[in-house]
PDB file of N, CA and C in Angstrom:
ATOM      1  N   MET A   1     121.344 134.626  88.924  1.00  0.00           N
ATOM      2  CA  MET A   1     120.064 134.479  88.177  1.00  0.00           C
ATOM      3  C   MET A   1     119.926 133.103  87.542  1.00  0.00           C
ATOM      4  N   SER A   2     121.014 132.527  87.038  1.00  0.00           N
ATOM      5  CA  SER A   2     120.992 131.205  86.428  1.00  0.00           C
ATOM      6  C   SER A   2     120.625 130.124  87.416  1.00  0.00           C
ATOM      7  N   ASP A   3     121.134 130.318  88.654  1.00  0.00           N
ATOM      8  CA  ASP A   3     120.862 129.308  89.701  1.00  0.00           C
ATOM      9  C   ASP A   3     119.378 129.387  90.073  1.00  0.00           C
ATOM     10  N   GLU A   4     118.863 130.605  90.145  1.00  0.00           N
ATOM     11  CA  GLU A   4     117.358 130.708  90.466  1.00  0.00           C
ATOM     12  C   GLU A   4     116.558 130.197  89.341  1.00  0.00           C
ATOM     13  N   HIS A   5     116.913 130.319  88.074  1.00  0.00           N
ATOM     14  CA  HIS A   5     116.184 129.784  86.951  1.00  0.00           C
ATOM     15  C   HIS A   5     116.291 128.248  86.998  1.00  0.00           C
ATOM     16  N   SER A   6     117.408 127.746  87.381  1.00  0.00           N
ATOM     17  CA  SER A   6     117.627 126.267  87.467  1.00  0.00           C
ATOM     18  C   SER A   6     116.756 125.673  88.555  1.00  0.00           C
ATOM     19  N   ASN A   7     116.596 126.379  89.709  1.00  0.00           N
ATOM     20  CA  ASN A   7     115.790 125.927  90.779  1.00  0.00           C
ATOM     21  C   ASN A   7     114.325 125.914  90.383  1.00  0.00           C
ATOM     22  N   LYS A   8     113.917 126.940  89.662  1.00  0.00           N
ATOM     23  CA  LYS A   8     112.507 127.031  89.224  1.00  0.00           C
ATOM     24  C   LYS A   8     112.218 125.901  88.260  1.00  0.00           C
ATOM     25  N   GLN A   9     113.174 125.628  87.368  1.00  0.00           N
ATOM     26  CA  GLN A   9     112.967 124.488  86.415  1.00  0.00           C
ATOM     27  C   GLN A   9     112.944 123.203  87.100  1.00  0.00           C
ATOM     28  N   SER A  10     113.774 123.012  88.098  1.00  0.00           N
ATOM     29  CA  SER A  10     113.795 121.717  88.869  1.00  0.00           C
ATOM     30  C   SER A  10     112.450 121.531  89.640  1.00  0.00           C
ATOM     31  N   TYR A  11     112.012 122.686  90.253  1.00  0.00           N
ATOM     32  CA  TYR A  11     110.739 122.613  90.980  1.00  0.00           C
ATOM     33  C   TYR A  11     109.619 122.274  90.014  1.00  0.00           C
ATOM     34  N   SER A  12     109.573 122.913  88.841  1.00  0.00           N
ATOM     35  CA  SER A  12     108.576 122.664  87.878  1.00  0.00           C
ATOM     36  C   SER A  12     108.539 121.225  87.402  1.00  0.00           C
ATOM     37  N   LEU A  13     109.689 120.652  87.128  1.00  0.00           N
ATOM     38  CA  LEU A  13     109.871 119.277  86.692  1.00  0.00           C
ATOM     39  C   LEU A  13     109.339 118.306  87.804  1.00  0.00           C
ATOM     40  N   PHE A  14     109.743 118.574  89.010  1.00  0.00           N
ATOM     41  CA  PHE A  14     109.283 117.755  90.111  1.00  0.00           C
ATOM     42  C   PHE A  14     107.798 117.780  90.311  1.00  0.00           C
ATOM     43  N   GLU A  15     107.159 118.991  90.188  1.00  0.00           N
ATOM     44  CA  GLU A  15     105.744 119.084  90.243  1.00  0.00           C
ATOM     45  C   GLU A  15     105.026 118.348  89.110  1.00  0.00           C
ATOM     46  N   HIS A  16     105.640 118.354  87.973  1.00  0.00           N
ATOM     47  CA  HIS A  16     105.082 117.547  86.786  1.00  0.00           C
ATOM     48  C   HIS A  16     105.160 116.107  87.109  1.00  0.00           C
ATOM     49  N   ILE A  17     106.263 115.640  87.742  1.00  0.00           N
ATOM     50  CA  ILE A  17     106.374 114.186  88.075  1.00  0.00           C
ATOM     51  C   ILE A  17     105.274 113.897  89.119  1.00  0.00           C
ATOM     52  N   LEU A  18     105.078 114.666  90.101  1.00  0.00           N
ATOM     53  CA  LEU A  18     104.089 114.432  91.115  1.00  0.00           C
ATOM     54  C   LEU A  18     102.719 114.431  90.543  1.00  0.00           C
ATOM     55  N   HIS A  19     102.459 115.287  89.567  1.00  0.00           N
ATOM     56  CA  HIS A  19     101.122 115.274  88.917  1.00  0.00           C
ATOM     57  C   HIS A  19     100.892 114.003  88.137  1.00  0.00           C
ATOM     58  N   GLU A  20     101.860 113.625  87.338  1.00  0.00           N
ATOM     59  CA  GLU A  20     101.733 112.428  86.484  1.00  0.00           C
ATOM     60  C   GLU A  20     101.565 111.143  87.408  1.00  0.00           C
ATOM     61  N   ASP A  21     102.293 111.150  88.498  1.00  0.00           N
ATOM     62  CA  ASP A  21     102.203 109.951  89.414  1.00  0.00           C
ATOM     63  C   ASP A  21     100.838 109.952  90.038  1.00  0.00           C
ATOM     64  N   THR A  22     100.336 111.077  90.415  1.00  0.00           N
ATOM     65  CA  THR A  22      99.028 111.122  91.025  1.00  0.00           C
ATOM     66  C   THR A  22      97.889 110.673  90.040  1.00  0.00           C
ATOM     67  N   MET A  23      98.015 111.141  88.788  1.00  0.00           N
ATOM     68  CA  MET A  23      97.083 110.752  87.756  1.00  0.00           C
ATOM     69  C   MET A  23      97.151 109.292  87.511  1.00  0.00           C
ATOM     70  N   PHE A  24      98.322 108.725  87.435  1.00  0.00           N
ATOM     71  CA  PHE A  24      98.470 107.254  87.271  1.00  0.00           C
ATOM     72  C   PHE A  24      97.761 106.486  88.374  1.00  0.00           C
ATOM     73  N   ASN A  25      98.013 106.865  89.571  1.00  0.00           N
ATOM     74  CA  ASN A  25      97.406 106.095  90.718  1.00  0.00           C
ATOM     75  C   ASN A  25      95.863 106.314  90.817  1.00  0.00           C
ATOM     76  N   GLU A  26      95.393 107.563  90.519  1.00  0.00           N
ATOM     77  CA  GLU A  26      93.984 107.796  90.570  1.00  0.00           C
ATOM     78  C   GLU A  26      93.229 106.992  89.496  1.00  0.00           C
ATOM     79  N   ARG A  27      93.803 106.921  88.300  1.00  0.00           N
ATOM     80  CA  ARG A  27      93.198 106.080  87.212  1.00  0.00           C
ATOM     81  C   ARG A  27      93.230 104.625  87.672  1.00  0.00           C
ATOM     82  N   LEU A  28      94.273 104.177  88.254  1.00  0.00           N
ATOM     83  CA  LEU A  28      94.350 102.753  88.658  1.00  0.00           C
ATOM     84  C   LEU A  28      93.322 102.480  89.721  1.00  0.00           C
ATOM     85  N   ASN A  29      93.115 103.361  90.672  1.00  0.00           N
ATOM     86  CA  ASN A  29      92.139 103.127  91.712  1.00  0.00           C
ATOM     87  C   ASN A  29      90.710 103.147  91.128  1.00  0.00           C
ATOM     88  N   PHE A  30      90.422 104.087  90.246  1.00  0.00           N
ATOM     89  CA  PHE A  30      89.127 104.155  89.605  1.00  0.00           C
ATOM     90  C   PHE A  30      88.851 102.902  88.820  1.00  0.00           C
ATOM     91  N   PHE A  31      89.837 102.431  88.065  1.00  0.00           N
ATOM     92  CA  PHE A  31      89.671 101.165  87.281  1.00  0.00           C
ATOM     93  C   PHE A  31      89.341  99.979  88.176  1.00  0.00           C
ATOM     94  N   LEU A  32      90.035  99.842  89.245  1.00  0.00           N
ATOM     95  CA  LEU A  32      89.833  98.709  90.159  1.00  0.00           C
ATOM     96  C   LEU A  32      88.417  98.750  90.723  1.00  0.00           C
ATOM     97  N   ILE A  33      87.962  99.910  91.101  1.00  0.00           N
ATOM     98  CA  ILE A  33      86.627 100.018  91.701  1.00  0.00           C
ATOM     99  C   ILE A  33      85.545  99.714  90.565  1.00  0.00           C
ATOM    100  N   PHE A  34      85.771 100.282  89.409  1.00  0.00           N
ATOM    101  CA  PHE A  34      84.808 100.088  88.304  1.00  0.00           C
ATOM    102  C   PHE A  34      84.721  98.614  87.881  1.00  0.00           C
ATOM    103  N   GLU A  35      85.878  97.989  87.818  1.00  0.00           N
ATOM    104  CA  GLU A  35      85.902  96.555  87.449  1.00  0.00           C
ATOM    105  C   GLU A  35      85.242  95.725  88.497  1.00  0.00           C
ATOM    106  N   SER A  36      85.399  96.097  89.777  1.00  0.00           N
ATOM    107  CA  SER A  36      84.792  95.313  90.862  1.00  0.00           C
ATOM    108  C   SER A  36      83.243  95.430  90.797  1.00  0.00           C
ATOM    109  N   VAL A  37      82.778  96.696  90.466  1.00  0.00           N
ATOM    110  CA  VAL A  37      81.377  96.843  90.397  1.00  0.00           C
ATOM    111  C   VAL A  37      80.768  96.096  89.183  1.00  0.00           C
ATOM    112  N   ILE A  38      81.482  96.064  88.055  1.00  0.00           N
ATOM    113  CA  ILE A  38      81.025  95.327  86.930  1.00  0.00           C
ATOM    114  C   ILE A  38      80.997  93.821  87.232  1.00  0.00           C
ATOM    115  N   MET A  39      82.003  93.300  87.942  1.00  0.00           N
ATOM    116  CA  MET A  39      82.028  91.881  88.289  1.00  0.00           C
ATOM    117  C   MET A  39      80.847  91.559  89.234  1.00  0.00           C
ATOM    118  N   GLY A  40      80.605  92.481  90.163  1.00  0.00           N
ATOM    119  CA  GLY A  40      79.437  92.297  91.104  1.00  0.00           C
ATOM    120  C   GLY A  40      78.151  92.255  90.327  1.00  0.00           C
ATOM    121  N   ILE A  41      77.955  93.160  89.386  1.00  0.00           N
ATOM    122  CA  ILE A  41      76.755  93.185  88.591  1.00  0.00           C
ATOM    123  C   ILE A  41      76.586  91.882  87.810  1.00  0.00           C
ATOM    124  N   VAL A  42      77.634  91.417  87.189  1.00  0.00           N
ATOM    125  CA  VAL A  42      77.614  90.179  86.417  1.00  0.00           C
ATOM    126  C   VAL A  42      77.267  89.004  87.367  1.00  0.00           C
ATOM    127  N   GLY A  43      77.866  88.999  88.576  1.00  0.00           N
ATOM    128  CA  GLY A  43      77.595  87.977  89.531  1.00  0.00           C
ATOM    129  C   GLY A  43      76.123  87.920  89.949  1.00  0.00           C
ATOM    130  N   VAL A  44      75.595  89.119  90.233  1.00  0.00           N
ATOM    131  CA  VAL A  44      74.166  89.165  90.668  1.00  0.00           C
ATOM    132  C   VAL A  44      73.248  88.731  89.494  1.00  0.00           C
ATOM    133  N   LEU A  45      73.525  89.192  88.280  1.00  0.00           N
ATOM    134  CA  LEU A  45      72.701  88.839  87.157  1.00  0.00           C
ATOM    135  C   LEU A  45      72.802  87.341  86.897  1.00  0.00           C
ATOM    136  N   TYR A  46      73.969  86.701  87.101  1.00  0.00           N
ATOM    137  CA  TYR A  46      74.132  85.312  86.814  1.00  0.00           C
ATOM    138  C   TYR A  46      73.450  84.478  87.849  1.00  0.00           C
ATOM    139  N   GLN A  47      73.308  84.938  89.069  1.00  0.00           N
ATOM    140  CA  GLN A  47      72.709  84.192  90.140  1.00  0.00           C
ATOM    141  C   GLN A  47      71.142  84.143  90.108  1.00  0.00           C
ATOM    142  N   LYS A  48      70.557  85.017  89.238  1.00  0.00           N
ATOM    143  CA  LYS A  48      69.115  85.009  89.104  1.00  0.00           C
ATOM    144  C   LYS A  48      68.677  83.615  88.617  1.00  0.00           C
ATOM    145  N   SER A  49      67.419  83.362  88.911  1.00  0.00           N
ATOM    146  CA  SER A  49      66.858  82.020  88.524  1.00  0.00           C
ATOM    147  C   SER A  49      66.822  81.891  86.973  1.00  0.00           C
ATOM    148  N   THR A  50      66.590  82.957  86.258  1.00  0.00           N
ATOM    149  CA  THR A  50      66.648  82.925  84.804  1.00  0.00           C
ATOM    150  C   THR A  50      67.593  84.029  84.306  1.00  0.00           C
ATOM    151  N   PRO A  51      68.891  83.682  84.349  1.00  0.00           N
ATOM    152  CA  PRO A  51      69.852  84.760  83.962  1.00  0.00           C
ATOM    153  C   PRO A  51      69.697  85.157  82.453  1.00  0.00           C
ATOM    154  N   SER A  52      69.840  86.454  82.239  1.00  0.00           N
ATOM    155  CA  SER A  52      69.789  86.990  80.856  1.00  0.00           C
ATOM    156  C   SER A  52      71.125  86.915  80.257  1.00  0.00           C
ATOM    157  N   LEU A  53      71.432  85.860  79.558  1.00  0.00           N
ATOM    158  CA  LEU A  53      72.773  85.593  78.965  1.00  0.00           C
ATOM    159  C   LEU A  53      73.171  86.693  77.997  1.00  0.00           C
ATOM    160  N   PRO A  54      72.377  87.253  77.137  1.00  0.00           N
ATOM    161  CA  PRO A  54      72.852  88.352  76.281  1.00  0.00           C
ATOM    162  C   PRO A  54      73.331  89.577  77.073  1.00  0.00           C
ATOM    163  N   VAL A  55      72.565  89.919  78.169  1.00  0.00           N
ATOM    164  CA  VAL A  55      72.979  91.052  78.939  1.00  0.00           C
ATOM    165  C   VAL A  55      74.340  90.774  79.668  1.00  0.00           C
ATOM    166  N   ILE A  56      74.475  89.557  80.183  1.00  0.00           N
ATOM    167  CA  ILE A  56      75.707  89.175  80.853  1.00  0.00           C
ATOM    168  C   ILE A  56      76.918  89.216  79.885  1.00  0.00           C
ATOM    169  N   ARG A  57      76.663  88.616  78.683  1.00  0.00           N
ATOM    170  CA  ARG A  57      77.721  88.623  77.694  1.00  0.00           C
ATOM    171  C   ARG A  57      78.127  90.034  77.229  1.00  0.00           C
ATOM    172  N   THR A  58      77.106  90.919  77.109  1.00  0.00           N
ATOM    173  CA  THR A  58      77.367  92.266  76.703  1.00  0.00           C
ATOM    174  C   THR A  58      78.248  92.958  77.825  1.00  0.00           C
ATOM    175  N   LEU A  59      77.899  92.832  79.036  1.00  0.00           N
ATOM    176  CA  LEU A  59      78.691  93.380  80.167  1.00  0.00           C
ATOM    177  C   LEU A  59      80.090  92.875  80.122  1.00  0.00           C
ATOM    178  N   ILE A  60      80.235  91.598  79.927  1.00  0.00           N
ATOM    179  CA  ILE A  60      81.580  90.985  79.883  1.00  0.00           C
ATOM    180  C   ILE A  60      82.424  91.559  78.731  1.00  0.00           C
ATOM    181  N   VAL A  61      81.783  91.674  77.598  1.00  0.00           N
ATOM    182  CA  VAL A  61      82.554  92.209  76.442  1.00  0.00           C
ATOM    183  C   VAL A  61      82.895  93.670  76.687  1.00  0.00           C
ATOM    184  N   LEU A  62      81.987  94.500  77.209  1.00  0.00           N
ATOM    185  CA  LEU A  62      82.274  95.848  77.545  1.00  0.00           C
ATOM    186  C   LEU A  62      83.391  95.965  78.561  1.00  0.00           C
ATOM    187  N   ALA A  63      83.395  95.047  79.550  1.00  0.00           N
ATOM    188  CA  ALA A  63      84.432  95.077  80.538  1.00  0.00           C
ATOM    189  C   ALA A  63      85.775  94.720  79.945  1.00  0.00           C
ATOM    190  N   ILE A  64      85.803  93.801  79.018  1.00  0.00           N
ATOM    191  CA  ILE A  64      87.089  93.417  78.369  1.00  0.00           C
ATOM    192  C   ILE A  64      87.591  94.606  77.468  1.00  0.00           C
ATOM    193  N   ILE A  65      86.698  95.259  76.762  1.00  0.00           N
ATOM    194  CA  ILE A  65      87.063  96.462  75.969  1.00  0.00           C
ATOM    195  C   ILE A  65      87.659  97.565  76.884  1.00  0.00           C
ATOM    196  N   LEU A  66      86.904  97.780  78.000  1.00  0.00           N
ATOM    197  CA  LEU A  66      87.357  98.803  78.963  1.00  0.00           C
ATOM    198  C   LEU A  66      88.812  98.457  79.480  1.00  0.00           C
ATOM    199  N   THR A  67      88.995  97.173  79.786  1.00  0.00           N
ATOM    200  CA  THR A  67      90.269  96.759  80.324  1.00  0.00           C
ATOM    201  C   THR A  67      91.383  96.965  79.324  1.00  0.00           C
ATOM    202  N   LEU A  68      91.141  96.690  78.042  1.00  0.00           N
ATOM    203  CA  LEU A  68      92.100  96.900  76.981  1.00  0.00           C
ATOM    204  C   LEU A  68      92.443  98.398  76.803  1.00  0.00           C
ATOM    205  N   ILE A  69      91.433  99.239  76.820  1.00  0.00           N
ATOM    206  CA  ILE A  69      91.672 100.682  76.712  1.00  0.00           C
ATOM    207  C   ILE A  69      92.372 101.192  77.912  1.00  0.00           C
ATOM    208  N   TRP A  70      91.992 100.771  79.107  1.00  0.00           N
ATOM    209  CA  TRP A  70      92.636 101.189  80.326  1.00  0.00           C
ATOM    210  C   TRP A  70      94.085 100.770  80.332  1.00  0.00           C
ATOM    211  N   GLY A  71      94.345  99.522  79.825  1.00  0.00           N
ATOM    212  CA  GLY A  71      95.750  99.016  79.770  1.00  0.00           C
ATOM    213  C   GLY A  71      96.586  99.903  78.933  1.00  0.00           C
ATOM    214  N   TYR A  72      96.079 100.277  77.763  1.00  0.00           N
ATOM    215  CA  TYR A  72      96.780 101.171  76.850  1.00  0.00           C
ATOM    216  C   TYR A  72      97.078 102.551  77.483  1.00  0.00           C
ATOM    217  N   VAL A  73      96.044 103.152  78.088  1.00  0.00           N
ATOM    218  CA  VAL A  73      96.165 104.473  78.727  1.00  0.00           C
ATOM    219  C   VAL A  73      97.212 104.368  79.832  1.00  0.00           C
ATOM    220  N   GLN A  74      97.160 103.363  80.705  1.00  0.00           N
ATOM    221  CA  GLN A  74      98.072 103.251  81.820  1.00  0.00           C
ATOM    222  C   GLN A  74      99.548 102.999  81.322  1.00  0.00           C
ATOM    223  N   ALA A  75      99.667 102.213  80.224  1.00  0.00           N
ATOM    224  CA  ALA A  75     100.995 101.976  79.711  1.00  0.00           C
ATOM    225  C   ALA A  75     101.596 103.281  79.189  1.00  0.00           C
ATOM    226  N   ARG A  76     100.740 104.030  78.502  1.00  0.00           N
ATOM    227  CA  ARG A  76     101.281 105.337  77.968  1.00  0.00           C
ATOM    228  C   ARG A  76     101.624 106.285  79.143  1.00  0.00           C
ATOM    229  N   GLN A  77     100.767 106.296  80.189  1.00  0.00           N
ATOM    230  CA  GLN A  77     101.024 107.164  81.324  1.00  0.00           C
ATOM    231  C   GLN A  77     102.314 106.727  82.063  1.00  0.00           C
ATOM    232  N   LYS A  78     102.533 105.470  82.167  1.00  0.00           N
ATOM    233  CA  LYS A  78     103.753 104.954  82.819  1.00  0.00           C
ATOM    234  C   LYS A  78     104.928 105.265  82.022  1.00  0.00           C
ATOM    235  N   TRP A  79     104.878 105.274  80.658  1.00  0.00           N
ATOM    236  CA  TRP A  79     106.010 105.651  79.819  1.00  0.00           C
ATOM    237  C   TRP A  79     106.384 107.078  80.000  1.00  0.00           C
ATOM    238  N   ILE A  80     105.335 107.943  80.084  1.00  0.00           N
ATOM    239  CA  ILE A  80     105.548 109.399  80.331  1.00  0.00           C
ATOM    240  C   ILE A  80     106.217 109.553  81.667  1.00  0.00           C
ATOM    241  N   LEU A  81     105.745 108.868  82.691  1.00  0.00           N
ATOM    242  CA  LEU A  81     106.271 109.041  84.039  1.00  0.00           C
ATOM    243  C   LEU A  81     107.735 108.555  84.080  1.00  0.00           C
ATOM    244  N   ASP A  82     108.008 107.440  83.431  1.00  0.00           N
ATOM    245  CA  ASP A  82     109.394 106.967  83.376  1.00  0.00           C
ATOM    246  C   ASP A  82     110.326 107.910  82.711  1.00  0.00           C
ATOM    247  N   CYS A  83     109.819 108.556  81.621  1.00  0.00           N
ATOM    248  CA  CYS A  83     110.694 109.569  80.886  1.00  0.00           C
ATOM    249  C   CYS A  83     110.954 110.778  81.796  1.00  0.00           C
ATOM    250  N   LEU A  84     109.900 111.197  82.546  1.00  0.00           N
ATOM    251  CA  LEU A  84     110.149 112.344  83.461  1.00  0.00           C
ATOM    252  C   LEU A  84     111.072 112.010  84.548  1.00  0.00           C
ATOM    253  N   VAL A  85     110.989 110.756  85.049  1.00  0.00           N
ATOM    254  CA  VAL A  85     111.927 110.393  86.170  1.00  0.00           C
ATOM    255  C   VAL A  85     113.336 110.341  85.673  1.00  0.00           C
ATOM    256  N   ALA A  86     113.505 109.764  84.459  1.00  0.00           N
ATOM    257  CA  ALA A  86     114.847 109.695  83.848  1.00  0.00           C
ATOM    258  C   ALA A  86     115.430 111.075  83.620  1.00  0.00           C
ATOM    259  N   ARG A  87     114.580 111.992  83.141  1.00  0.00           N
ATOM    260  CA  ARG A  87     115.064 113.358  82.912  1.00  0.00           C
ATOM    261  C   ARG A  87     115.460 114.017  84.293  1.00  0.00           C
ATOM    262  N   SER A  88     114.652 113.809  85.314  1.00  0.00           N
ATOM    263  CA  SER A  88     114.934 114.431  86.612  1.00  0.00           C
ATOM    264  C   SER A  88     116.207 113.810  87.167  1.00  0.00           C
ATOM    265  N   LEU A  89     116.439 112.546  86.966  1.00  0.00           N
ATOM    266  CA  LEU A  89     117.691 111.956  87.497  1.00  0.00           C
ATOM    267  C   LEU A  89     118.890 112.561  86.838  1.00  0.00           C
ATOM    268  N   LYS A  90     118.756 113.036  85.584  1.00  0.00           N
ATOM    269  CA  LYS A  90     119.919 113.642  84.972  1.00  0.00           C
ATOM    270  C   LYS A  90     120.063 115.096  85.431  1.00  0.00           C
ATOM    271  N   GLU A  91     118.973 115.787  85.608  1.00  0.00           N
ATOM    272  CA  GLU A  91     119.016 117.269  85.858  1.00  0.00           C
ATOM    273  C   GLU A  91     119.052 117.639  87.337  1.00  0.00           C
ATOM    274  N   MET A  92     118.497 116.806  88.206  1.00  0.00           N
ATOM    275  CA  MET A  92     118.358 117.164  89.597  1.00  0.00           C
ATOM    276  C   MET A  92     119.256 116.277  90.448  1.00  0.00           C
ATOM    277  N   SER A  93     120.349 116.828  90.934  1.00  0.00           N
ATOM    278  CA  SER A  93     121.276 116.044  91.728  1.00  0.00           C
ATOM    279  C   SER A  93     120.733 115.658  93.053  1.00  0.00           C
ATOM    280  N   ASP A  94     119.862 116.479  93.674  1.00  0.00           N
ATOM    281  CA  ASP A  94     119.282 116.110  94.961  1.00  0.00           C
ATOM    282  C   ASP A  94     118.359 114.892  94.784  1.00  0.00           C
ATOM    283  N   TYR A  95     117.513 114.929  93.715  1.00  0.00           N
ATOM    284  CA  TYR A  95     116.605 113.791  93.448  1.00  0.00           C
ATOM    285  C   TYR A  95     117.432 112.500  93.178  1.00  0.00           C
ATOM    286  N   ARG A  96     118.485 112.609  92.384  1.00  0.00           N
ATOM    287  CA  ARG A  96     119.309 111.502  92.122  1.00  0.00           C
ATOM    288  C   ARG A  96     119.924 110.863  93.420  1.00  0.00           C
ATOM    289  N   ALA A  97     120.392 111.744  94.280  1.00  0.00           N
ATOM    290  CA  ALA A  97     120.932 111.292  95.571  1.00  0.00           C
ATOM    291  C   ALA A  97     119.862 110.527  96.379  1.00  0.00           C
ATOM    292  N   VAL A  98     118.664 111.012  96.425  1.00  0.00           N
ATOM    293  CA  VAL A  98     117.590 110.344  97.213  1.00  0.00           C
ATOM    294  C   VAL A  98     117.289 108.996  96.550  1.00  0.00           C
ATOM    295  N   VAL A  99     117.194 108.938  95.289  1.00  0.00           N
ATOM    296  CA  VAL A  99     116.869 107.659  94.600  1.00  0.00           C
ATOM    297  C   VAL A  99     117.984 106.652  94.836  1.00  0.00           C
ATOM    298  N   GLU A 100     119.260 107.128  94.787  1.00  0.00           N
ATOM    299  CA  GLU A 100     120.379 106.160  94.999  1.00  0.00           C
ATOM    300  C   GLU A 100     120.434 105.708  96.442  1.00  0.00           C
ATOM    301  N   ASP A 101     120.147 106.599  97.382  1.00  0.00           N
ATOM    302  CA  ASP A 101     120.125 106.223  98.782  1.00  0.00           C
ATOM    303  C   ASP A 101     118.983 105.201  99.107  1.00  0.00           C
ATOM    304  N   SER A 102     117.847 105.406  98.464  1.00  0.00           N
ATOM    305  CA  SER A 102     116.742 104.548  98.720  1.00  0.00           C
ATOM    306  C   SER A 102     116.925 103.160  98.114  1.00  0.00           C
ATOM    307  N   SER A 103     117.755 103.123  96.998  1.00  0.00           N
ATOM    308  CA  SER A 103     117.964 101.760  96.353  1.00  0.00           C
ATOM    309  C   SER A 103     118.988 100.977  97.144  1.00  0.00           C
ATOM    310  N   LEU A 104     119.694 101.576  98.016  1.00  0.00           N
ATOM    311  CA  LEU A 104     120.700 100.783  98.873  1.00  0.00           C
ATOM    312  C   LEU A 104     120.032  99.981  99.939  1.00  0.00           C
ATOM    313  N   ASP A 105     118.834 100.409 100.365  1.00  0.00           N
ATOM    314  CA  ASP A 105     118.138  99.722 101.493  1.00  0.00           C
ATOM    315  C   ASP A 105     117.635  98.354 101.068  1.00  0.00           C
TER     316      ASP A 105
END
C-alpha cells in the first residue's frame, strides 16, 4: 500500500511539474507575440507622415510596464518550477537518474 501511495505521489508531482513548465512556456510565447505586435504598431505609427507622438509614447510606456510585470510573473513561475524540480530530484529516483544521465552528454 505504501509503495502504491508513493507512486501516486510521484505521478502527481511529475504532473505538477509538467503543468508549471507548460504554463511558463505558454506565457513566454504569448509575451513574445504580444510584444512583436506592439513593436509593429509603433513602427507603423512612426512611419506615418505626421506621427502622433503622444500615442507612440503611450504605447511605449505601456509596453515597458507590461514587460516589467511579465518579467516578475515569469521569475516567480521559474522559481516555483525550480522548487518543484528540486523536490522531485529528492523524492523520485527515476527522475534523478534521467537528469543525471542527460547531464553527462
